Amino acid sequence: MADYCENCGCKVYSGRCINCHEELFILDQYDELSGTKFELPYPDEDSNFMKKVNECRVDVEHNLLLKPKEEK
Protein backbone atom coordinates (compact mmCIF):
# COMPACT_ATOMS: atom_id res chain seq x y z
CA MET A 1 0.00 0.00 0.00
CA ALA A 2 1.24 3.46 -0.87
CA ASP A 3 2.42 5.84 1.80
CA TYR A 4 1.20 9.40 1.92
CA CYS A 5 2.74 12.44 3.57
CA GLU A 6 1.33 13.34 6.94
CA ASN A 7 1.95 17.04 6.23
CA CYS A 8 0.41 17.52 2.79
CA GLY A 9 -1.12 14.19 1.68
CA CYS A 10 1.10 13.72 -1.39
CA LYS A 11 2.59 10.36 -2.27
CA VAL A 12 5.81 9.33 -0.52
CA TYR A 13 8.53 7.39 -2.35
CA SER A 14 11.39 5.89 -0.33
CA GLY A 15 10.53 8.15 2.59
CA ARG A 16 10.49 11.28 0.43
CA CYS A 17 7.34 13.31 -0.19
CA ILE A 18 7.13 14.53 -3.79
CA ASN A 19 5.84 17.89 -2.51
CA CYS A 20 7.65 18.56 0.77
CA HIS A 21 10.98 17.19 -0.53
CA GLU A 22 10.72 18.49 -4.09
CA GLU A 23 14.36 19.61 -4.07
CA LEU A 24 15.54 16.01 -3.63
CA PHE A 25 13.59 14.92 -6.71
CA ILE A 26 15.07 17.84 -8.67
CA LEU A 27 18.57 16.81 -7.56
CA ASP A 28 17.80 13.26 -8.75
CA GLN A 29 17.18 14.73 -12.19
CA TYR A 30 20.65 16.31 -12.12
CA ASP A 31 22.04 12.81 -11.45
CA GLU A 32 19.92 11.19 -14.19
CA LEU A 33 21.12 13.75 -16.76
CA SER A 34 24.77 13.30 -15.75
CA GLY A 35 26.80 12.01 -18.69
CA THR A 36 24.20 13.00 -21.29
CA LYS A 37 24.13 15.96 -23.63
CA PHE A 38 21.58 17.52 -21.25
CA GLU A 39 23.92 17.39 -18.24
CA LEU A 40 23.54 20.33 -15.86
CA PRO A 41 26.23 21.64 -13.51
CA TYR A 42 25.40 21.10 -9.86
CA PRO A 43 24.38 24.21 -7.93
CA ASP A 44 26.95 25.66 -5.52
CA GLU A 45 26.88 24.13 -2.05
CA ASP A 46 26.27 27.60 -0.62
CA SER A 47 23.19 28.22 -2.77
CA ASN A 48 19.73 28.40 -1.23
CA PHE A 49 18.71 25.36 -3.29
CA MET A 50 21.48 23.16 -1.86
CA LYS A 51 20.76 24.41 1.66
CA LYS A 52 17.15 23.30 1.17
CA VAL A 53 18.37 19.96 -0.23
CA ASN A 54 20.41 19.38 2.91
CA GLU A 55 17.43 20.28 5.11
CA CYS A 56 15.28 17.81 3.17
CA ARG A 57 17.88 15.06 3.56
CA VAL A 58 17.95 15.57 7.33
CA ASP A 59 14.13 15.54 7.42
CA VAL A 60 13.95 12.30 5.40
CA GLU A 61 16.55 10.58 7.57
CA HIS A 62 14.71 11.69 10.70
CA ASN A 63 11.36 10.43 9.36
CA LEU A 64 12.84 7.08 8.33
CA LEU A 65 14.32 6.59 11.79
CA LEU A 66 10.99 7.37 13.46
CA LYS A 67 8.84 5.27 11.11
CA PRO A 68 7.70 2.06 12.86
CA LYS A 69 8.78 -1.14 11.17
CA GLU A 70 5.96 -3.01 9.48
CA GLU A 71 5.07 -6.40 10.91
CA LYS A 72 5.31 -9.41 8.61
PDB file of N, CA and C in Angstrom:
ATOM      1  N   MET A   1       0.840  -1.180   0.000  1.00  0.00           N
ATOM      2  CA  MET A   1       0.000   0.000   0.000  1.00  0.00           C
ATOM      3  C   MET A   1       0.887   1.246   0.000  1.00  0.00           C
ATOM      4  N   ALA A   2       0.461   2.238  -0.726  1.00  0.00           N
ATOM      5  CA  ALA A   2       1.240   3.462  -0.866  1.00  0.00           C
ATOM      6  C   ALA A   2       1.230   4.274   0.423  1.00  0.00           C
ATOM      7  N   ASP A   3       2.326   4.937   0.661  1.00  0.00           N
ATOM      8  CA  ASP A   3       2.424   5.838   1.800  1.00  0.00           C
ATOM      9  C   ASP A   3       2.114   7.253   1.336  1.00  0.00           C
ATOM     10  N   TYR A   4       1.527   8.014   2.226  1.00  0.00           N
ATOM     11  CA  TYR A   4       1.199   9.397   1.919  1.00  0.00           C
ATOM     12  C   TYR A   4       1.738  10.296   3.019  1.00  0.00           C
ATOM     13  N   CYS A   5       2.140  11.477   2.643  1.00  0.00           N
ATOM     14  CA  CYS A   5       2.741  12.444   3.566  1.00  0.00           C
ATOM     15  C   CYS A   5       1.721  12.878   4.615  1.00  0.00           C
ATOM     16  N   GLU A   6       2.181  12.890   5.849  1.00  0.00           N
ATOM     17  CA  GLU A   6       1.327  13.340   6.943  1.00  0.00           C
ATOM     18  C   GLU A   6       1.108  14.850   6.898  1.00  0.00           C
ATOM     19  N   ASN A   7       2.044  15.581   6.274  1.00  0.00           N
ATOM     20  CA  ASN A   7       1.947  17.042   6.228  1.00  0.00           C
ATOM     21  C   ASN A   7       1.021  17.543   5.133  1.00  0.00           C
ATOM     22  N   CYS A   8       1.150  16.949   3.917  1.00  0.00           N
ATOM     23  CA  CYS A   8       0.408  17.519   2.788  1.00  0.00           C
ATOM     24  C   CYS A   8      -0.469  16.506   2.046  1.00  0.00           C
ATOM     25  N   GLY A   9      -0.295  15.208   2.316  1.00  0.00           N
ATOM     26  CA  GLY A   9      -1.122  14.194   1.684  1.00  0.00           C
ATOM     27  C   GLY A   9      -0.610  13.678   0.353  1.00  0.00           C
ATOM     28  N   CYS A  10       0.533  14.203  -0.125  1.00  0.00           N
ATOM     29  CA  CYS A  10       1.104  13.725  -1.395  1.00  0.00           C
ATOM     30  C   CYS A  10       1.758  12.366  -1.207  1.00  0.00           C
ATOM     31  N   LYS A  11       1.986  11.689  -2.307  1.00  0.00           N
ATOM     32  CA  LYS A  11       2.586  10.364  -2.272  1.00  0.00           C
ATOM     33  C   LYS A  11       4.042  10.431  -1.812  1.00  0.00           C
ATOM     34  N   VAL A  12       4.449   9.421  -1.050  1.00  0.00           N
ATOM     35  CA  VAL A  12       5.805   9.327  -0.518  1.00  0.00           C
ATOM     36  C   VAL A  12       6.512   8.156  -1.184  1.00  0.00           C
ATOM     37  N   TYR A  13       7.695   8.408  -1.731  1.00  0.00           N
ATOM     38  CA  TYR A  13       8.533   7.386  -2.353  1.00  0.00           C
ATOM     39  C   TYR A  13       9.835   7.288  -1.573  1.00  0.00           C
ATOM     40  N   SER A  14      10.144   6.118  -1.072  1.00  0.00           N
ATOM     41  CA  SER A  14      11.394   5.887  -0.326  1.00  0.00           C
ATOM     42  C   SER A  14      11.567   6.904   0.801  1.00  0.00           C
ATOM     43  N   GLY A  15      10.476   7.227   1.470  1.00  0.00           N
ATOM     44  CA  GLY A  15      10.526   8.147   2.591  1.00  0.00           C
ATOM     45  C   GLY A  15      10.558   9.612   2.208  1.00  0.00           C
ATOM     46  N   ARG A  16      10.422   9.902   0.899  1.00  0.00           N
ATOM     47  CA  ARG A  16      10.485  11.284   0.426  1.00  0.00           C
ATOM     48  C   ARG A  16       9.157  11.683  -0.191  1.00  0.00           C
ATOM     49  N   CYS A  17       8.587  12.764   0.334  1.00  0.00           N
ATOM     50  CA  CYS A  17       7.336  13.313  -0.189  1.00  0.00           C
ATOM     51  C   CYS A  17       7.642  14.090  -1.463  1.00  0.00           C
ATOM     52  N   ILE A  18       6.864  13.849  -2.515  1.00  0.00           N
ATOM     53  CA  ILE A  18       7.126  14.535  -3.786  1.00  0.00           C
ATOM     54  C   ILE A  18       6.865  16.028  -3.696  1.00  0.00           C
ATOM     55  N   ASN A  19       6.125  16.465  -2.688  1.00  0.00           N
ATOM     56  CA  ASN A  19       5.838  17.892  -2.511  1.00  0.00           C
ATOM     57  C   ASN A  19       6.785  18.520  -1.490  1.00  0.00           C
ATOM     58  N   CYS A  20       6.838  17.973  -0.306  1.00  0.00           N
ATOM     59  CA  CYS A  20       7.649  18.559   0.768  1.00  0.00           C
ATOM     60  C   CYS A  20       9.145  18.439   0.502  1.00  0.00           C
ATOM     61  N   HIS A  21       9.562  17.425  -0.249  1.00  0.00           N
ATOM     62  CA  HIS A  21      10.976  17.195  -0.534  1.00  0.00           C
ATOM     63  C   HIS A  21      11.262  17.321  -2.024  1.00  0.00           C
ATOM     64  N   GLU A  22      10.603  18.288  -2.648  1.00  0.00           N
ATOM     65  CA  GLU A  22      10.720  18.485  -4.092  1.00  0.00           C
ATOM     66  C   GLU A  22      12.176  18.674  -4.530  1.00  0.00           C
ATOM     67  N   GLU A  23      12.960  19.351  -3.709  1.00  0.00           N
ATOM     68  CA  GLU A  23      14.355  19.613  -4.068  1.00  0.00           C
ATOM     69  C   GLU A  23      15.143  18.318  -4.257  1.00  0.00           C
ATOM     70  N   LEU A  24      14.830  17.285  -3.476  1.00  0.00           N
ATOM     71  CA  LEU A  24      15.536  16.011  -3.628  1.00  0.00           C
ATOM     72  C   LEU A  24      15.199  15.351  -4.963  1.00  0.00           C
ATOM     73  N   PHE A  25      13.968  15.475  -5.407  1.00  0.00           N
ATOM     74  CA  PHE A  25      13.586  14.925  -6.706  1.00  0.00           C
ATOM     75  C   PHE A  25      14.245  15.709  -7.840  1.00  0.00           C
ATOM     76  N   ILE A  26      14.380  17.019  -7.668  1.00  0.00           N
ATOM     77  CA  ILE A  26      15.071  17.837  -8.674  1.00  0.00           C
ATOM     78  C   ILE A  26      16.541  17.433  -8.738  1.00  0.00           C
ATOM     79  N   LEU A  27      17.171  17.226  -7.589  1.00  0.00           N
ATOM     80  CA  LEU A  27      18.568  16.809  -7.560  1.00  0.00           C
ATOM     81  C   LEU A  27      18.744  15.442  -8.216  1.00  0.00           C
ATOM     82  N   ASP A  28      17.768  14.559  -8.057  1.00  0.00           N
ATOM     83  CA  ASP A  28      17.797  13.260  -8.746  1.00  0.00           C
ATOM     84  C   ASP A  28      17.851  13.449 -10.261  1.00  0.00           C
ATOM     85  N   GLN A  29      17.169  14.464 -10.759  1.00  0.00           N
ATOM     86  CA  GLN A  29      17.183  14.731 -12.195  1.00  0.00           C
ATOM     87  C   GLN A  29      18.569  15.189 -12.648  1.00  0.00           C
ATOM     88  N   TYR A  30      19.263  15.949 -11.812  1.00  0.00           N
ATOM     89  CA  TYR A  30      20.646  16.311 -12.123  1.00  0.00           C
ATOM     90  C   TYR A  30      21.472  15.039 -12.299  1.00  0.00           C
ATOM     91  N   ASP A  31      21.288  14.077 -11.384  1.00  0.00           N
ATOM     92  CA  ASP A  31      22.038  12.814 -11.455  1.00  0.00           C
ATOM     93  C   ASP A  31      21.667  12.006 -12.698  1.00  0.00           C
ATOM     94  N   GLU A  32      20.378  11.956 -13.018  1.00  0.00           N
ATOM     95  CA  GLU A  32      19.923  11.192 -14.186  1.00  0.00           C
ATOM     96  C   GLU A  32      20.459  11.777 -15.486  1.00  0.00           C
ATOM     97  N   LEU A  33      20.631  13.093 -15.542  1.00  0.00           N
ATOM     98  CA  LEU A  33      21.125  13.748 -16.757  1.00  0.00           C
ATOM     99  C   LEU A  33      22.647  13.737 -16.848  1.00  0.00           C
ATOM    100  N   SER A  34      23.306  13.347 -15.763  1.00  0.00           N
ATOM    101  CA  SER A  34      24.767  13.304 -15.754  1.00  0.00           C
ATOM    102  C   SER A  34      25.275  12.358 -16.837  1.00  0.00           C
ATOM    103  N   GLY A  35      26.226  12.818 -17.621  1.00  0.00           N
ATOM    104  CA  GLY A  35      26.798  12.006 -18.686  1.00  0.00           C
ATOM    105  C   GLY A  35      26.034  12.060 -19.994  1.00  0.00           C
ATOM    106  N   THR A  36      24.971  12.844 -20.049  1.00  0.00           N
ATOM    107  CA  THR A  36      24.198  13.001 -21.285  1.00  0.00           C
ATOM    108  C   THR A  36      24.452  14.396 -21.851  1.00  0.00           C
ATOM    109  N   LYS A  37      23.946  14.629 -23.045  1.00  0.00           N
ATOM    110  CA  LYS A  37      24.133  15.964 -23.630  1.00  0.00           C
ATOM    111  C   LYS A  37      23.302  17.029 -22.911  1.00  0.00           C
ATOM    112  N   PHE A  38      22.415  16.594 -22.018  1.00  0.00           N
ATOM    113  CA  PHE A  38      21.581  17.523 -21.254  1.00  0.00           C
ATOM    114  C   PHE A  38      22.112  17.747 -19.837  1.00  0.00           C
ATOM    115  N   GLU A  39      23.339  17.296 -19.581  1.00  0.00           N
ATOM    116  CA  GLU A  39      23.924  17.393 -18.243  1.00  0.00           C
ATOM    117  C   GLU A  39      23.940  18.839 -17.748  1.00  0.00           C
ATOM    118  N   LEU A  40      23.569  19.009 -16.491  1.00  0.00           N
ATOM    119  CA  LEU A  40      23.542  20.328 -15.859  1.00  0.00           C
ATOM    120  C   LEU A  40      24.599  20.384 -14.765  1.00  0.00           C
ATOM    121  N   PRO A  41      25.269  21.518 -14.617  1.00  0.00           N
ATOM    122  CA  PRO A  41      26.225  21.641 -13.511  1.00  0.00           C
ATOM    123  C   PRO A  41      25.465  21.719 -12.184  1.00  0.00           C
ATOM    124  N   TYR A  42      26.020  21.064 -11.177  1.00  0.00           N
ATOM    125  CA  TYR A  42      25.397  21.104  -9.860  1.00  0.00           C
ATOM    126  C   TYR A  42      25.418  22.530  -9.312  1.00  0.00           C
ATOM    127  N   PRO A  43      24.381  22.897  -8.570  1.00  0.00           N
ATOM    128  CA  PRO A  43      24.376  24.215  -7.926  1.00  0.00           C
ATOM    129  C   PRO A  43      25.489  24.281  -6.869  1.00  0.00           C
ATOM    130  N   ASP A  44      25.936  25.483  -6.562  1.00  0.00           N
ATOM    131  CA  ASP A  44      26.945  25.664  -5.518  1.00  0.00           C
ATOM    132  C   ASP A  44      26.399  25.178  -4.185  1.00  0.00           C
ATOM    133  N   GLU A  45      27.286  24.618  -3.376  1.00  0.00           N
ATOM    134  CA  GLU A  45      26.881  24.128  -2.048  1.00  0.00           C
ATOM    135  C   GLU A  45      26.314  25.238  -1.171  1.00  0.00           C
ATOM    136  N   ASP A  46      26.732  26.471  -1.426  1.00  0.00           N
ATOM    137  CA  ASP A  46      26.265  27.600  -0.617  1.00  0.00           C
ATOM    138  C   ASP A  46      24.955  28.206  -1.119  1.00  0.00           C
ATOM    139  N   SER A  47      24.426  27.665  -2.213  1.00  0.00           N
ATOM    140  CA  SER A  47      23.190  28.218  -2.774  1.00  0.00           C
ATOM    141  C   SER A  47      21.994  27.864  -1.888  1.00  0.00           C
ATOM    142  N   ASN A  48      20.949  28.668  -2.005  1.00  0.00           N
ATOM    143  CA  ASN A  48      19.725  28.402  -1.235  1.00  0.00           C
ATOM    144  C   ASN A  48      19.143  27.041  -1.587  1.00  0.00           C
ATOM    145  N   PHE A  49      19.246  26.657  -2.859  1.00  0.00           N
ATOM    146  CA  PHE A  49      18.713  25.364  -3.295  1.00  0.00           C
ATOM    147  C   PHE A  49      19.415  24.219  -2.564  1.00  0.00           C
ATOM    148  N   MET A  50      20.742  24.245  -2.509  1.00  0.00           N
ATOM    149  CA  MET A  50      21.478  23.156  -1.863  1.00  0.00           C
ATOM    150  C   MET A  50      21.284  23.175  -0.350  1.00  0.00           C
ATOM    151  N   LYS A  51      21.077  24.348   0.226  1.00  0.00           N
ATOM    152  CA  LYS A  51      20.757  24.405   1.656  1.00  0.00           C
ATOM    153  C   LYS A  51      19.425  23.714   1.923  1.00  0.00           C
ATOM    154  N   LYS A  52      18.455  23.943   1.037  1.00  0.00           N
ATOM    155  CA  LYS A  52      17.147  23.295   1.170  1.00  0.00           C
ATOM    156  C   LYS A  52      17.270  21.793   0.956  1.00  0.00           C
ATOM    157  N   VAL A  53      18.121  21.377   0.006  1.00  0.00           N
ATOM    158  CA  VAL A  53      18.367  19.956  -0.228  1.00  0.00           C
ATOM    159  C   VAL A  53      18.888  19.297   1.043  1.00  0.00           C
ATOM    160  N   ASN A  54      19.843  19.935   1.677  1.00  0.00           N
ATOM    161  CA  ASN A  54      20.409  19.377   2.907  1.00  0.00           C
ATOM    162  C   ASN A  54      19.383  19.313   4.030  1.00  0.00           C
ATOM    163  N   GLU A  55      18.511  20.314   4.116  1.00  0.00           N
ATOM    164  CA  GLU A  55      17.433  20.281   5.109  1.00  0.00           C
ATOM    165  C   GLU A  55      16.488  19.110   4.827  1.00  0.00           C
ATOM    166  N   CYS A  56      16.178  18.906   3.559  1.00  0.00           N
ATOM    167  CA  CYS A  56      15.283  17.812   3.174  1.00  0.00           C
ATOM    168  C   CYS A  56      15.902  16.464   3.506  1.00  0.00           C
ATOM    169  N   ARG A  57      17.196  16.318   3.258  1.00  0.00           N
ATOM    170  CA  ARG A  57      17.883  15.056   3.562  1.00  0.00           C
ATOM    171  C   ARG A  57      17.804  14.747   5.050  1.00  0.00           C
ATOM    172  N   VAL A  58      18.025  15.763   5.881  1.00  0.00           N
ATOM    173  CA  VAL A  58      17.948  15.575   7.328  1.00  0.00           C
ATOM    174  C   VAL A  58      16.524  15.175   7.715  1.00  0.00           C
ATOM    175  N   ASP A  59      15.532  15.832   7.132  1.00  0.00           N
ATOM    176  CA  ASP A  59      14.131  15.541   7.425  1.00  0.00           C
ATOM    177  C   ASP A  59      13.779  14.098   7.040  1.00  0.00           C
ATOM    178  N   VAL A  60      14.228  13.664   5.867  1.00  0.00           N
ATOM    179  CA  VAL A  60      13.946  12.302   5.404  1.00  0.00           C
ATOM    180  C   VAL A  60      14.599  11.282   6.325  1.00  0.00           C
ATOM    181  N   GLU A  61      15.863  11.501   6.668  1.00  0.00           N
ATOM    182  CA  GLU A  61      16.553  10.577   7.565  1.00  0.00           C
ATOM    183  C   GLU A  61      15.844  10.503   8.912  1.00  0.00           C
ATOM    184  N   HIS A  62      15.415  11.638   9.419  1.00  0.00           N
ATOM    185  CA  HIS A  62      14.712  11.686  10.698  1.00  0.00           C
ATOM    186  C   HIS A  62      13.396  10.909  10.615  1.00  0.00           C
ATOM    187  N   ASN A  63      12.641  11.116   9.529  1.00  0.00           N
ATOM    188  CA  ASN A  63      11.362  10.428   9.358  1.00  0.00           C
ATOM    189  C   ASN A  63      11.548   8.930   9.205  1.00  0.00           C
ATOM    190  N   LEU A  64      12.600   8.502   8.507  1.00  0.00           N
ATOM    191  CA  LEU A  64      12.841   7.076   8.332  1.00  0.00           C
ATOM    192  C   LEU A  64      13.226   6.416   9.639  1.00  0.00           C
ATOM    193  N   LEU A  65      13.937   7.138  10.485  1.00  0.00           N
ATOM    194  CA  LEU A  65      14.316   6.587  11.787  1.00  0.00           C
ATOM    195  C   LEU A  65      13.117   6.454  12.711  1.00  0.00           C
ATOM    196  N   LEU A  66      12.166   7.376  12.585  1.00  0.00           N
ATOM    197  CA  LEU A  66      10.986   7.369  13.456  1.00  0.00           C
ATOM    198  C   LEU A  66       9.876   6.444  12.975  1.00  0.00           C
ATOM    199  N   LYS A  67       9.917   6.077  11.686  1.00  0.00           N
ATOM    200  CA  LYS A  67       8.840   5.269  11.113  1.00  0.00           C
ATOM    201  C   LYS A  67       8.870   3.863  11.738  1.00  0.00           C
ATOM    202  N   PRO A  68       7.731   3.407  12.260  1.00  0.00           N
ATOM    203  CA  PRO A  68       7.700   2.060  12.860  1.00  0.00           C
ATOM    204  C   PRO A  68       7.867   0.997  11.777  1.00  0.00           C
ATOM    205  N   LYS A  69       8.576  -0.050  12.121  1.00  0.00           N
ATOM    206  CA  LYS A  69       8.780  -1.143  11.173  1.00  0.00           C
ATOM    207  C   LYS A  69       7.478  -1.914  11.023  1.00  0.00           C
ATOM    208  N   GLU A  70       7.200  -2.281   9.772  1.00  0.00           N
ATOM    209  CA  GLU A  70       5.963  -3.015   9.482  1.00  0.00           C
ATOM    210  C   GLU A  70       6.118  -4.473   9.923  1.00  0.00           C
ATOM    211  N   GLU A  71       5.060  -5.001  10.489  1.00  0.00           N
ATOM    212  CA  GLU A  71       5.074  -6.401  10.910  1.00  0.00           C
ATOM    213  C   GLU A  71       4.818  -7.293   9.720  1.00  0.00           C
ATOM    214  N   LYS A  72       5.471  -8.458   9.725  1.00  0.00           N
ATOM    215  CA  LYS A  72       5.314  -9.407   8.610  1.00  0.00           C
ATOM    216  C   LYS A  72       4.196 -10.378   8.901  1.00  0.00           C
TER     217      LYS A  72
END
